[in-house]
């Protein structure tokens, strides 16, 4: 499958700053930037930087960033599902995971998460994909945000809905392990019915729930 990547760049000037929202960013460009020290939700900033460079080099991989000069202060990742998760079992070329989204503390409340996600979907780049994200409450910054688990989930739902992602039911054990966890999905306009049906089979292993 050919993966269309159309680079986009937008400039914002919030609070006397100049911020660049751009992507998909190629690995050679990412490797020259540094990670903000607050970007540590998933692993150490230096290790996450290496992961971003690696993802950007994948045929299907996409990294959208917010850059303050030469520092990455926010990012969103898109890639094929992890081999350890059920979503990879169908070996679907047109199933892409929105894997991680993170914004440094000092840059929150500026709508950067929404802008990064919207940038990824510009120029109909994602119309050939089923894009999904698995939201787990243990990844959420409840302490830093001051939100409870339900308000944080509402915030994440609003964030994903800016590109028309919707809540989808599933019997996946990890998602079902807590009522705040959820699966959100967007099916591109060019996705064939066969892929949609295959994704439904991945969502439900217990056929009586189908």
N, C-alpha and C. Protein backbone atom coordinates (compact mmCIF):
# COMPACT_ATOMS: atom_id res chain seq x y z
N UNK A 1 0.84 -1.20 0.00
CA UNK A 1 0.00 0.00 0.00
C UNK A 1 0.87 1.24 0.00
N UNK A 2 0.53 2.20 -0.84
CA UNK A 2 1.28 3.45 -0.88
C UNK A 2 0.73 4.40 0.19
N UNK A 3 1.63 4.93 1.01
CA UNK A 3 1.23 5.80 2.11
C UNK A 3 1.53 7.26 1.71
N UNK A 4 0.45 7.98 1.48
CA UNK A 4 0.58 9.38 1.05
C UNK A 4 0.89 10.27 2.25
N UNK A 5 1.99 10.99 2.19
CA UNK A 5 2.37 11.91 3.27
C UNK A 5 2.58 13.30 2.66
N UNK A 6 1.71 14.21 3.03
CA UNK A 6 1.77 15.57 2.51
C UNK A 6 2.16 16.50 3.66
N UNK A 7 3.38 17.00 3.62
CA UNK A 7 3.87 17.86 4.70
C UNK A 7 3.06 19.15 4.78
N UNK A 8 2.68 19.51 6.00
CA UNK A 8 1.94 20.74 6.27
C UNK A 8 2.61 21.50 7.40
N UNK A 9 2.52 22.81 7.35
CA UNK A 9 3.13 23.64 8.39
C UNK A 9 2.23 24.83 8.69
N UNK A 10 2.05 25.10 9.98
CA UNK A 10 1.26 26.24 10.43
C UNK A 10 2.03 26.97 11.52
N UNK A 11 1.88 28.26 11.56
CA UNK A 11 2.59 29.06 12.56
C UNK A 11 1.57 29.74 13.47
N UNK A 12 1.81 29.64 14.77
CA UNK A 12 0.97 30.30 15.77
C UNK A 12 1.82 31.26 16.57
N UNK A 13 1.18 32.29 17.10
CA UNK A 13 1.89 33.27 17.93
C UNK A 13 1.16 33.48 19.26
N UNK A 14 1.02 32.42 20.06
CA UNK A 14 0.34 32.58 21.35
C UNK A 14 1.28 33.12 22.42
N UNK A 15 0.80 34.07 23.17
CA UNK A 15 1.55 34.58 24.32
C UNK A 15 2.99 34.96 23.94
N UNK A 16 3.12 35.68 22.85
CA UNK A 16 4.42 36.19 22.39
C UNK A 16 5.41 35.09 22.02
N UNK A 17 4.90 33.91 21.73
CA UNK A 17 5.75 32.83 21.25
C UNK A 17 5.50 32.59 19.77
N UNK A 18 6.47 32.01 19.12
CA UNK A 18 6.28 31.55 17.74
C UNK A 18 6.35 30.03 17.76
N UNK A 19 5.25 29.38 17.46
CA UNK A 19 5.18 27.93 17.48
C UNK A 19 4.88 27.42 16.08
N UNK A 20 5.59 26.40 15.68
CA UNK A 20 5.37 25.75 14.39
C UNK A 20 4.69 24.41 14.61
N UNK A 21 3.54 24.23 13.97
CA UNK A 21 2.87 22.94 13.96
C UNK A 21 3.12 22.35 12.59
N UNK A 22 3.74 21.17 12.53
CA UNK A 22 4.17 20.67 11.24
C UNK A 22 4.22 19.14 11.22
N UNK A 23 4.13 18.62 9.99
CA UNK A 23 4.26 17.20 9.81
C UNK A 23 3.49 16.73 8.58
N UNK A 24 3.66 15.46 8.22
CA UNK A 24 4.55 14.51 8.86
C UNK A 24 6.02 14.93 8.72
N UNK A 25 6.74 14.88 9.82
CA UNK A 25 8.13 15.32 9.86
C UNK A 25 9.04 14.13 9.56
N UNK A 26 9.97 14.24 8.61
CA UNK A 26 10.87 13.13 8.28
C UNK A 26 11.87 12.88 9.41
N UNK A 27 12.40 11.66 9.50
CA UNK A 27 13.31 11.31 10.61
C UNK A 27 14.57 12.16 10.67
N UNK A 28 15.11 12.52 9.51
CA UNK A 28 16.35 13.31 9.52
C UNK A 28 16.13 14.70 10.13
N UNK A 29 14.94 15.24 9.95
CA UNK A 29 14.64 16.53 10.56
C UNK A 29 14.38 16.39 12.06
N UNK A 30 13.65 15.34 12.43
CA UNK A 30 13.36 15.11 13.85
C UNK A 30 14.65 14.90 14.65
N UNK A 31 15.60 14.21 14.07
CA UNK A 31 16.82 13.88 14.80
C UNK A 31 17.63 15.12 15.17
N UNK A 32 17.40 16.22 14.47
CA UNK A 32 18.15 17.45 14.75
C UNK A 32 17.52 18.29 15.85
N UNK A 33 16.30 17.92 16.27
CA UNK A 33 15.59 18.68 17.30
C UNK A 33 15.80 18.05 18.67
N UNK A 34 15.43 18.78 19.70
CA UNK A 34 15.51 18.27 21.06
C UNK A 34 14.10 18.17 21.65
N UNK A 35 13.95 17.31 22.64
CA UNK A 35 12.66 17.12 23.29
C UNK A 35 12.56 18.00 24.54
N UNK A 36 11.42 18.60 24.73
CA UNK A 36 11.17 19.34 25.96
C UNK A 36 11.22 18.36 27.15
N UNK A 37 11.84 18.72 28.26
CA UNK A 37 11.98 17.80 29.39
C UNK A 37 10.66 17.36 30.01
N UNK A 38 9.58 18.09 29.76
CA UNK A 38 8.27 17.70 30.31
C UNK A 38 7.60 16.59 29.52
N UNK A 39 8.13 16.25 28.37
CA UNK A 39 7.51 15.22 27.53
C UNK A 39 7.99 13.84 28.00
N UNK A 40 7.42 13.38 29.09
CA UNK A 40 7.88 12.15 29.74
C UNK A 40 6.73 11.25 30.16
N UNK A 41 5.57 11.41 29.54
CA UNK A 41 4.40 10.61 29.93
C UNK A 41 4.58 9.13 29.62
N UNK A 42 5.33 8.80 28.58
CA UNK A 42 5.44 7.42 28.14
C UNK A 42 6.82 6.83 28.42
N UNK A 43 7.85 7.65 28.34
CA UNK A 43 9.22 7.21 28.66
C UNK A 43 10.08 8.46 28.80
N UNK A 44 11.33 8.30 29.12
CA UNK A 44 12.22 9.46 29.25
C UNK A 44 12.25 10.24 27.95
N UNK A 45 12.37 11.59 28.05
CA UNK A 45 12.33 12.41 26.83
C UNK A 45 13.33 11.97 25.76
N UNK A 46 14.55 11.62 26.16
CA UNK A 46 15.54 11.21 25.17
C UNK A 46 15.13 9.91 24.49
N UNK A 47 14.55 9.00 25.26
CA UNK A 47 14.10 7.73 24.69
C UNK A 47 12.88 7.93 23.79
N UNK A 48 12.00 8.85 24.19
CA UNK A 48 10.84 9.13 23.36
C UNK A 48 11.26 9.80 22.06
N UNK A 49 12.28 10.64 22.14
CA UNK A 49 12.82 11.27 20.93
C UNK A 49 13.29 10.20 19.95
N UNK A 50 14.00 9.21 20.44
CA UNK A 50 14.47 8.12 19.59
C UNK A 50 13.30 7.37 18.97
N UNK A 51 12.25 7.17 19.78
CA UNK A 51 11.06 6.47 19.28
C UNK A 51 10.38 7.26 18.16
N UNK A 52 10.30 8.58 18.32
CA UNK A 52 9.69 9.41 17.29
C UNK A 52 10.46 9.33 15.98
N UNK A 53 11.78 9.38 16.07
CA UNK A 53 12.62 9.29 14.87
C UNK A 53 12.39 7.94 14.18
N UNK A 54 12.31 6.87 14.99
CA UNK A 54 12.10 5.54 14.44
C UNK A 54 10.74 5.44 13.74
N UNK A 55 9.69 5.95 14.39
CA UNK A 55 8.35 5.90 13.79
C UNK A 55 8.30 6.69 12.50
N UNK A 56 8.93 7.86 12.50
CA UNK A 56 8.92 8.71 11.31
C UNK A 56 9.56 8.02 10.12
N UNK A 57 10.45 7.08 10.37
CA UNK A 57 11.12 6.37 9.30
C UNK A 57 10.36 5.18 8.76
N UNK A 58 9.25 4.82 9.41
CA UNK A 58 8.44 3.71 8.93
C UNK A 58 7.63 4.13 7.71
N UNK A 59 7.37 3.22 6.80
CA UNK A 59 6.60 3.58 5.60
C UNK A 59 5.25 4.21 5.94
N UNK A 60 4.57 3.67 6.95
CA UNK A 60 3.27 4.20 7.34
C UNK A 60 3.35 5.23 8.46
N UNK A 61 4.52 5.40 9.07
CA UNK A 61 4.67 6.24 10.26
C UNK A 61 4.51 7.72 9.97
N UNK A 62 3.85 8.41 10.88
CA UNK A 62 3.67 9.86 10.78
C UNK A 62 3.88 10.48 12.15
N UNK A 63 4.68 11.53 12.18
CA UNK A 63 4.87 12.30 13.41
C UNK A 63 4.50 13.75 13.11
N UNK A 64 3.55 14.25 13.88
CA UNK A 64 3.18 15.66 13.81
C UNK A 64 3.68 16.31 15.09
N UNK A 65 4.35 17.45 14.99
CA UNK A 65 4.95 18.07 16.17
C UNK A 65 4.53 19.53 16.31
N UNK A 66 4.69 20.02 17.52
CA UNK A 66 4.71 21.45 17.78
C UNK A 66 6.15 21.78 18.14
N UNK A 67 6.69 22.77 17.46
CA UNK A 67 8.11 23.12 17.66
C UNK A 67 8.23 24.57 18.12
N UNK A 68 8.94 24.76 19.20
CA UNK A 68 9.30 26.10 19.68
C UNK A 68 10.79 26.26 19.40
N UNK A 69 11.10 26.97 18.31
CA UNK A 69 12.47 27.04 17.79
C UNK A 69 12.95 25.62 17.47
N UNK A 70 13.96 25.13 18.20
CA UNK A 70 14.49 23.79 17.90
C UNK A 70 14.08 22.76 18.94
N UNK A 71 13.03 23.06 19.70
CA UNK A 71 12.57 22.16 20.75
C UNK A 71 11.18 21.63 20.44
N UNK A 72 11.02 20.32 20.50
CA UNK A 72 9.70 19.71 20.34
C UNK A 72 8.94 19.87 21.65
N UNK A 73 7.79 20.54 21.59
CA UNK A 73 7.00 20.76 22.81
C UNK A 73 5.67 20.01 22.76
N UNK A 74 5.41 19.31 21.68
CA UNK A 74 4.22 18.49 21.56
C UNK A 74 4.35 17.59 20.35
N UNK A 75 3.65 16.46 20.38
CA UNK A 75 3.73 15.53 19.25
C UNK A 75 2.51 14.62 19.23
N UNK A 76 2.23 14.09 18.05
CA UNK A 76 1.24 13.04 17.85
C UNK A 76 1.87 11.99 16.97
N UNK A 77 1.65 10.73 17.28
CA UNK A 77 2.21 9.64 16.49
C UNK A 77 1.11 8.84 15.79
N UNK A 78 1.43 8.38 14.58
CA UNK A 78 0.56 7.48 13.83
C UNK A 78 1.42 6.35 13.29
N UNK A 79 0.95 5.13 13.44
CA UNK A 79 1.73 3.97 13.00
C UNK A 79 0.84 2.73 13.01
N UNK A 80 1.34 1.63 12.49
CA UNK A 80 0.60 0.38 12.55
C UNK A 80 0.49 -0.08 14.00
N UNK A 81 -0.54 -0.86 14.34
CA UNK A 81 -0.70 -1.33 15.72
C UNK A 81 0.48 -2.18 16.18
N UNK A 82 0.72 -2.14 17.47
CA UNK A 82 1.77 -2.95 18.08
C UNK A 82 1.50 -4.43 17.85
N UNK A 83 2.53 -5.20 17.60
CA UNK A 83 2.37 -6.62 17.31
C UNK A 83 1.80 -7.40 18.49
N UNK A 84 1.90 -6.84 19.70
CA UNK A 84 1.40 -7.53 20.88
C UNK A 84 -0.10 -7.28 21.10
N UNK A 85 -0.71 -6.41 20.32
CA UNK A 85 -2.11 -6.07 20.52
C UNK A 85 -2.98 -6.76 19.47
N UNK A 86 -4.24 -6.96 19.80
CA UNK A 86 -5.15 -7.66 18.89
C UNK A 86 -5.34 -6.93 17.57
N UNK A 87 -5.14 -5.62 17.59
CA UNK A 87 -5.41 -4.81 16.39
C UNK A 87 -4.46 -5.12 15.25
N UNK A 88 -3.36 -5.79 15.57
CA UNK A 88 -2.39 -6.15 14.52
C UNK A 88 -2.67 -7.51 13.92
N UNK A 89 -3.59 -8.25 14.50
CA UNK A 89 -3.77 -9.65 14.10
C UNK A 89 -4.29 -9.79 12.68
N UNK A 90 -5.02 -8.82 12.19
CA UNK A 90 -5.54 -8.91 10.83
C UNK A 90 -4.54 -8.52 9.76
N UNK A 91 -3.35 -8.02 10.18
CA UNK A 91 -2.34 -7.55 9.22
C UNK A 91 -2.94 -6.61 8.18
N UNK A 92 -3.76 -5.68 8.67
CA UNK A 92 -4.46 -4.76 7.77
C UNK A 92 -3.56 -3.60 7.37
N UNK A 93 -3.37 -3.43 6.08
CA UNK A 93 -2.53 -2.33 5.59
C UNK A 93 -3.18 -0.97 5.79
N UNK A 94 -4.50 -0.96 5.91
CA UNK A 94 -5.20 0.32 6.02
C UNK A 94 -5.75 0.59 7.42
N UNK A 95 -5.17 -0.07 8.43
CA UNK A 95 -5.53 0.19 9.83
C UNK A 95 -4.37 0.87 10.52
N UNK A 96 -4.55 2.13 10.93
CA UNK A 96 -3.49 2.95 11.51
C UNK A 96 -3.90 3.39 12.92
N UNK A 97 -2.96 3.31 13.83
CA UNK A 97 -3.22 3.71 15.21
C UNK A 97 -2.69 5.11 15.49
N UNK A 98 -3.54 5.96 16.05
CA UNK A 98 -3.07 7.20 16.65
C UNK A 98 -2.54 6.77 18.02
N UNK A 99 -1.23 6.64 18.10
CA UNK A 99 -0.65 5.96 19.24
C UNK A 99 -0.42 6.80 20.48
N UNK A 100 0.05 8.02 20.32
CA UNK A 100 0.37 8.85 21.48
C UNK A 100 0.19 10.32 21.12
N UNK A 101 -0.25 11.07 22.10
CA UNK A 101 -0.32 12.52 21.95
C UNK A 101 0.11 13.13 23.27
N UNK A 102 0.99 14.11 23.19
CA UNK A 102 1.53 14.71 24.42
C UNK A 102 1.93 16.16 24.13
N UNK A 103 1.65 17.03 25.11
CA UNK A 103 2.03 18.45 25.02
C UNK A 103 2.69 18.83 26.34
N UNK A 104 3.81 19.52 26.27
CA UNK A 104 4.52 19.96 27.47
C UNK A 104 3.63 20.86 28.32
N UNK A 105 3.82 20.79 29.63
CA UNK A 105 2.93 21.46 30.58
C UNK A 105 2.76 22.94 30.28
N UNK A 106 3.85 23.65 30.02
CA UNK A 106 3.77 25.10 29.80
C UNK A 106 3.06 25.49 28.52
N UNK A 107 2.75 24.51 27.67
CA UNK A 107 2.16 24.81 26.37
C UNK A 107 0.72 24.28 26.26
N UNK A 108 0.19 23.84 27.37
CA UNK A 108 -1.18 23.33 27.36
C UNK A 108 -2.18 24.48 27.38
N UNK A 109 -3.43 24.15 27.15
CA UNK A 109 -4.54 25.12 27.11
C UNK A 109 -4.42 26.09 25.93
N UNK A 110 -3.64 25.72 24.93
CA UNK A 110 -3.50 26.53 23.72
C UNK A 110 -4.16 25.86 22.52
N UNK A 111 -4.80 24.73 22.75
CA UNK A 111 -5.44 24.01 21.65
C UNK A 111 -4.47 23.31 20.72
N UNK A 112 -3.26 23.03 21.21
CA UNK A 112 -2.23 22.46 20.33
C UNK A 112 -2.53 21.02 19.96
N UNK A 113 -3.14 20.27 20.88
CA UNK A 113 -3.50 18.89 20.56
C UNK A 113 -4.45 18.83 19.38
N UNK A 114 -5.48 19.66 19.41
CA UNK A 114 -6.43 19.70 18.30
C UNK A 114 -5.76 20.10 17.00
N UNK A 115 -4.90 21.08 17.07
CA UNK A 115 -4.25 21.56 15.85
C UNK A 115 -3.32 20.51 15.24
N UNK A 116 -2.64 19.75 16.10
CA UNK A 116 -1.77 18.70 15.57
C UNK A 116 -2.58 17.62 14.87
N UNK A 117 -3.66 17.19 15.52
CA UNK A 117 -4.49 16.14 14.93
C UNK A 117 -5.11 16.61 13.62
N UNK A 118 -5.61 17.83 13.60
CA UNK A 118 -6.19 18.35 12.36
C UNK A 118 -5.16 18.41 11.25
N UNK A 119 -3.93 18.78 11.59
CA UNK A 119 -2.87 18.85 10.59
C UNK A 119 -2.63 17.48 9.95
N UNK A 120 -2.69 16.43 10.76
CA UNK A 120 -2.45 15.08 10.25
C UNK A 120 -3.48 14.66 9.21
N UNK A 121 -4.70 15.21 9.32
CA UNK A 121 -5.79 14.80 8.44
C UNK A 121 -6.02 15.75 7.27
N UNK A 122 -5.20 16.79 7.16
CA UNK A 122 -5.39 17.75 6.08
C UNK A 122 -5.13 17.12 4.71
N UNK A 123 -5.75 17.71 3.70
CA UNK A 123 -5.60 17.29 2.31
C UNK A 123 -5.98 15.81 2.12
N UNK A 124 -6.94 15.36 2.91
CA UNK A 124 -7.51 14.02 2.78
C UNK A 124 -6.45 12.92 2.84
N UNK A 125 -5.40 13.15 3.63
CA UNK A 125 -4.32 12.17 3.72
C UNK A 125 -4.74 10.86 4.36
N UNK A 126 -5.81 10.90 5.18
CA UNK A 126 -6.17 9.72 5.96
C UNK A 126 -7.46 9.06 5.47
N UNK A 127 -7.91 9.42 4.28
CA UNK A 127 -9.18 8.87 3.79
C UNK A 127 -9.09 7.41 3.37
N UNK A 128 -7.88 6.89 3.20
CA UNK A 128 -7.71 5.48 2.85
C UNK A 128 -7.50 4.59 4.06
N UNK A 129 -7.62 5.17 5.26
CA UNK A 129 -7.33 4.42 6.48
C UNK A 129 -8.52 4.35 7.43
N UNK A 130 -8.54 3.28 8.20
CA UNK A 130 -9.28 3.27 9.46
C UNK A 130 -8.28 3.72 10.52
N UNK A 131 -8.54 4.85 11.13
CA UNK A 131 -7.66 5.37 12.18
C UNK A 131 -8.34 5.14 13.53
N UNK A 132 -7.62 4.54 14.45
CA UNK A 132 -8.19 4.27 15.76
C UNK A 132 -7.23 4.71 16.86
N UNK A 133 -7.78 4.93 18.03
CA UNK A 133 -6.96 5.20 19.21
C UNK A 133 -7.58 4.49 20.39
N UNK A 134 -6.74 3.92 21.24
CA UNK A 134 -7.20 3.28 22.46
C UNK A 134 -6.86 4.20 23.63
N UNK A 135 -7.88 4.64 24.33
CA UNK A 135 -7.69 5.56 25.44
C UNK A 135 -7.74 4.78 26.75
N UNK A 136 -6.60 4.78 27.47
CA UNK A 136 -6.50 4.11 28.76
C UNK A 136 -6.28 5.14 29.85
N UNK A 137 -7.05 5.07 30.91
CA UNK A 137 -6.99 6.10 31.94
C UNK A 137 -5.62 6.15 32.61
N UNK A 138 -4.88 5.03 32.63
CA UNK A 138 -3.58 5.04 33.30
C UNK A 138 -2.51 5.80 32.52
N UNK A 139 -2.81 6.19 31.30
CA UNK A 139 -1.89 7.04 30.53
C UNK A 139 -2.19 8.53 30.71
N UNK A 140 -3.29 8.86 31.37
CA UNK A 140 -3.72 10.24 31.45
C UNK A 140 -3.04 10.98 32.60
N UNK A 141 -2.76 12.24 32.37
CA UNK A 141 -2.11 13.07 33.39
C UNK A 141 -3.18 13.68 34.31
N UNK A 142 -3.76 12.84 35.15
CA UNK A 142 -4.83 13.30 36.04
C UNK A 142 -4.30 14.30 37.07
N UNK A 143 -3.11 14.04 37.57
CA UNK A 143 -2.54 14.92 38.58
C UNK A 143 -2.21 16.29 37.99
N UNK A 144 -1.53 16.30 36.86
CA UNK A 144 -1.12 17.56 36.26
C UNK A 144 -2.29 18.39 35.74
N UNK A 145 -3.34 17.70 35.27
CA UNK A 145 -4.49 18.41 34.72
C UNK A 145 -5.48 18.86 35.78
N UNK A 146 -5.47 18.17 36.92
CA UNK A 146 -6.44 18.48 37.97
C UNK A 146 -7.83 17.93 37.68
N UNK A 147 -7.96 17.11 36.64
CA UNK A 147 -9.25 16.56 36.26
C UNK A 147 -9.44 15.18 36.88
N UNK A 148 -10.70 14.81 37.11
CA UNK A 148 -10.95 13.43 37.50
C UNK A 148 -11.01 12.57 36.24
N UNK A 149 -11.10 11.28 36.42
CA UNK A 149 -10.98 10.37 35.29
C UNK A 149 -12.09 10.57 34.26
N UNK A 150 -13.30 10.94 34.72
CA UNK A 150 -14.41 11.10 33.79
C UNK A 150 -14.31 12.41 33.00
N UNK A 151 -13.87 13.47 33.66
CA UNK A 151 -13.68 14.72 32.95
C UNK A 151 -12.53 14.62 31.95
N UNK A 152 -11.50 13.85 32.32
CA UNK A 152 -10.38 13.68 31.40
C UNK A 152 -10.83 12.89 30.17
N UNK A 153 -11.66 11.89 30.40
CA UNK A 153 -12.16 11.13 29.25
C UNK A 153 -12.98 12.03 28.33
N UNK A 154 -13.84 12.87 28.90
CA UNK A 154 -14.63 13.79 28.07
C UNK A 154 -13.71 14.70 27.26
N UNK A 155 -12.61 15.15 27.89
CA UNK A 155 -11.67 16.00 27.19
C UNK A 155 -11.04 15.26 26.01
N UNK A 156 -10.67 13.99 26.23
CA UNK A 156 -10.06 13.21 25.16
C UNK A 156 -11.07 12.93 24.04
N UNK A 157 -12.31 12.70 24.40
CA UNK A 157 -13.34 12.50 23.37
C UNK A 157 -13.52 13.75 22.52
N UNK A 158 -13.56 14.90 23.18
CA UNK A 158 -13.69 16.16 22.42
C UNK A 158 -12.50 16.36 21.50
N UNK A 159 -11.32 16.00 21.99
CA UNK A 159 -10.11 16.15 21.19
C UNK A 159 -10.19 15.30 19.92
N UNK A 160 -10.57 14.04 20.06
CA UNK A 160 -10.62 13.14 18.91
C UNK A 160 -11.75 13.48 17.96
N UNK A 161 -12.79 14.08 18.46
CA UNK A 161 -13.94 14.40 17.61
C UNK A 161 -13.66 15.55 16.65
N UNK A 162 -12.53 16.27 16.83
CA UNK A 162 -12.22 17.36 15.90
C UNK A 162 -11.95 16.82 14.50
N UNK A 163 -11.63 15.52 14.39
CA UNK A 163 -11.47 14.89 13.08
C UNK A 163 -12.51 13.79 12.89
N UNK A 164 -13.62 13.92 13.63
CA UNK A 164 -14.78 13.03 13.47
C UNK A 164 -14.51 11.60 13.91
N UNK A 165 -13.60 11.41 14.85
CA UNK A 165 -13.45 10.09 15.45
C UNK A 165 -14.63 9.86 16.40
N UNK A 166 -15.11 8.62 16.43
CA UNK A 166 -16.28 8.28 17.22
C UNK A 166 -15.98 7.11 18.15
N UNK A 167 -16.76 7.03 19.24
CA UNK A 167 -16.65 5.91 20.16
C UNK A 167 -17.16 4.65 19.50
N UNK A 168 -16.39 3.56 19.61
CA UNK A 168 -16.79 2.26 19.07
C UNK A 168 -16.75 1.22 20.19
N UNK A 169 -17.70 0.33 20.18
CA UNK A 169 -17.73 -0.75 21.16
C UNK A 169 -16.71 -1.82 20.81
N UNK A 170 -16.23 -2.54 21.82
CA UNK A 170 -15.29 -3.63 21.64
C UNK A 170 -15.32 -4.53 22.86
N UNK A 171 -14.87 -5.77 22.69
CA UNK A 171 -14.73 -6.65 23.85
C UNK A 171 -13.25 -6.83 24.23
N UNK A 172 -12.40 -5.94 23.75
CA UNK A 172 -10.98 -6.00 24.09
C UNK A 172 -10.81 -5.93 25.61
N UNK A 173 -10.11 -6.90 26.23
CA UNK A 173 -10.02 -6.96 27.69
C UNK A 173 -9.41 -5.72 28.34
N UNK A 174 -8.38 -5.15 27.71
CA UNK A 174 -7.76 -3.97 28.32
C UNK A 174 -8.71 -2.78 28.34
N UNK A 175 -9.43 -2.58 27.26
CA UNK A 175 -10.38 -1.48 27.21
C UNK A 175 -11.53 -1.73 28.17
N UNK A 176 -11.97 -2.98 28.24
CA UNK A 176 -13.09 -3.32 29.12
C UNK A 176 -12.70 -3.39 30.59
N UNK A 177 -11.41 -3.30 30.90
CA UNK A 177 -10.96 -3.43 32.28
C UNK A 177 -11.34 -2.24 33.15
N UNK A 178 -11.69 -1.11 32.53
CA UNK A 178 -12.14 0.07 33.29
C UNK A 178 -13.14 0.83 32.44
N UNK A 179 -14.25 1.27 33.03
CA UNK A 179 -15.29 1.94 32.23
C UNK A 179 -14.88 3.26 31.62
N UNK A 180 -13.78 3.85 32.09
CA UNK A 180 -13.33 5.11 31.50
C UNK A 180 -12.51 4.88 30.23
N UNK A 181 -11.97 3.69 30.06
CA UNK A 181 -11.22 3.39 28.84
C UNK A 181 -12.17 3.35 27.65
N UNK A 182 -11.64 3.65 26.47
CA UNK A 182 -12.52 3.61 25.30
C UNK A 182 -11.71 3.45 24.02
N UNK A 183 -12.42 3.02 22.99
CA UNK A 183 -11.88 2.89 21.64
C UNK A 183 -12.56 3.95 20.78
N UNK A 184 -11.76 4.78 20.09
CA UNK A 184 -12.33 5.76 19.18
C UNK A 184 -11.77 5.53 17.79
N UNK A 185 -12.64 5.72 16.79
CA UNK A 185 -12.31 5.29 15.43
C UNK A 185 -12.83 6.31 14.41
N UNK A 186 -12.07 6.46 13.34
CA UNK A 186 -12.54 7.19 12.17
C UNK A 186 -12.30 6.34 10.94
N UNK A 187 -13.33 6.09 10.17
CA UNK A 187 -13.22 5.30 8.95
C UNK A 187 -13.19 6.25 7.76
N UNK A 188 -12.09 6.24 7.05
CA UNK A 188 -11.93 7.13 5.91
C UNK A 188 -12.91 6.83 4.79
N UNK A 189 -13.19 7.83 3.98
CA UNK A 189 -14.20 7.69 2.94
C UNK A 189 -13.80 6.67 1.86
N UNK A 190 -12.50 6.42 1.71
CA UNK A 190 -12.04 5.50 0.66
C UNK A 190 -11.78 4.09 1.18
N UNK A 191 -12.11 3.81 2.43
CA UNK A 191 -11.87 2.48 3.00
C UNK A 191 -12.92 1.51 2.47
N UNK A 192 -12.51 0.38 1.89
CA UNK A 192 -13.48 -0.57 1.35
C UNK A 192 -14.27 -1.28 2.44
N UNK A 193 -15.44 -1.77 2.07
CA UNK A 193 -16.30 -2.47 3.01
C UNK A 193 -15.62 -3.69 3.60
N UNK A 194 -14.79 -4.37 2.82
CA UNK A 194 -14.09 -5.56 3.30
C UNK A 194 -13.20 -5.23 4.49
N UNK A 195 -12.54 -4.06 4.46
CA UNK A 195 -11.68 -3.66 5.57
C UNK A 195 -12.52 -3.30 6.80
N UNK A 196 -13.65 -2.66 6.58
CA UNK A 196 -14.53 -2.32 7.69
C UNK A 196 -15.03 -3.58 8.38
N UNK A 197 -15.38 -4.60 7.60
CA UNK A 197 -15.85 -5.86 8.17
C UNK A 197 -14.72 -6.58 8.91
N UNK A 198 -13.51 -6.51 8.36
CA UNK A 198 -12.37 -7.14 9.03
C UNK A 198 -12.08 -6.45 10.36
N UNK A 199 -12.20 -5.12 10.39
CA UNK A 199 -11.99 -4.39 11.63
C UNK A 199 -13.06 -4.77 12.66
N UNK A 200 -14.29 -4.97 12.22
CA UNK A 200 -15.35 -5.40 13.14
C UNK A 200 -15.00 -6.75 13.77
N UNK A 201 -14.39 -7.62 13.00
CA UNK A 201 -14.00 -8.92 13.55
C UNK A 201 -12.88 -8.78 14.57
N UNK A 202 -12.02 -7.78 14.39
CA UNK A 202 -10.98 -7.51 15.39
C UNK A 202 -11.58 -6.92 16.66
N UNK A 203 -12.59 -6.08 16.49
CA UNK A 203 -13.20 -5.44 17.67
C UNK A 203 -13.88 -6.45 18.58
N UNK A 204 -14.44 -7.50 17.98
CA UNK A 204 -15.21 -8.46 18.76
C UNK A 204 -14.71 -9.88 18.51
N UNK A 205 -14.23 -10.51 19.56
CA UNK A 205 -13.89 -11.93 19.48
C UNK A 205 -15.04 -12.79 19.97
N UNK A 206 -15.83 -12.24 20.90
CA UNK A 206 -17.00 -12.95 21.39
C UNK A 206 -18.15 -12.67 20.43
N UNK A 207 -18.48 -13.61 19.60
CA UNK A 207 -19.41 -13.37 18.51
C UNK A 207 -20.79 -12.94 18.98
N UNK A 208 -21.17 -13.35 20.20
CA UNK A 208 -22.51 -12.98 20.67
C UNK A 208 -22.62 -11.47 20.94
N UNK A 209 -21.46 -10.78 21.03
CA UNK A 209 -21.47 -9.34 21.26
C UNK A 209 -21.49 -8.56 19.94
N UNK A 210 -21.35 -9.22 18.86
CA UNK A 210 -21.20 -8.58 17.54
C UNK A 210 -22.47 -7.81 17.18
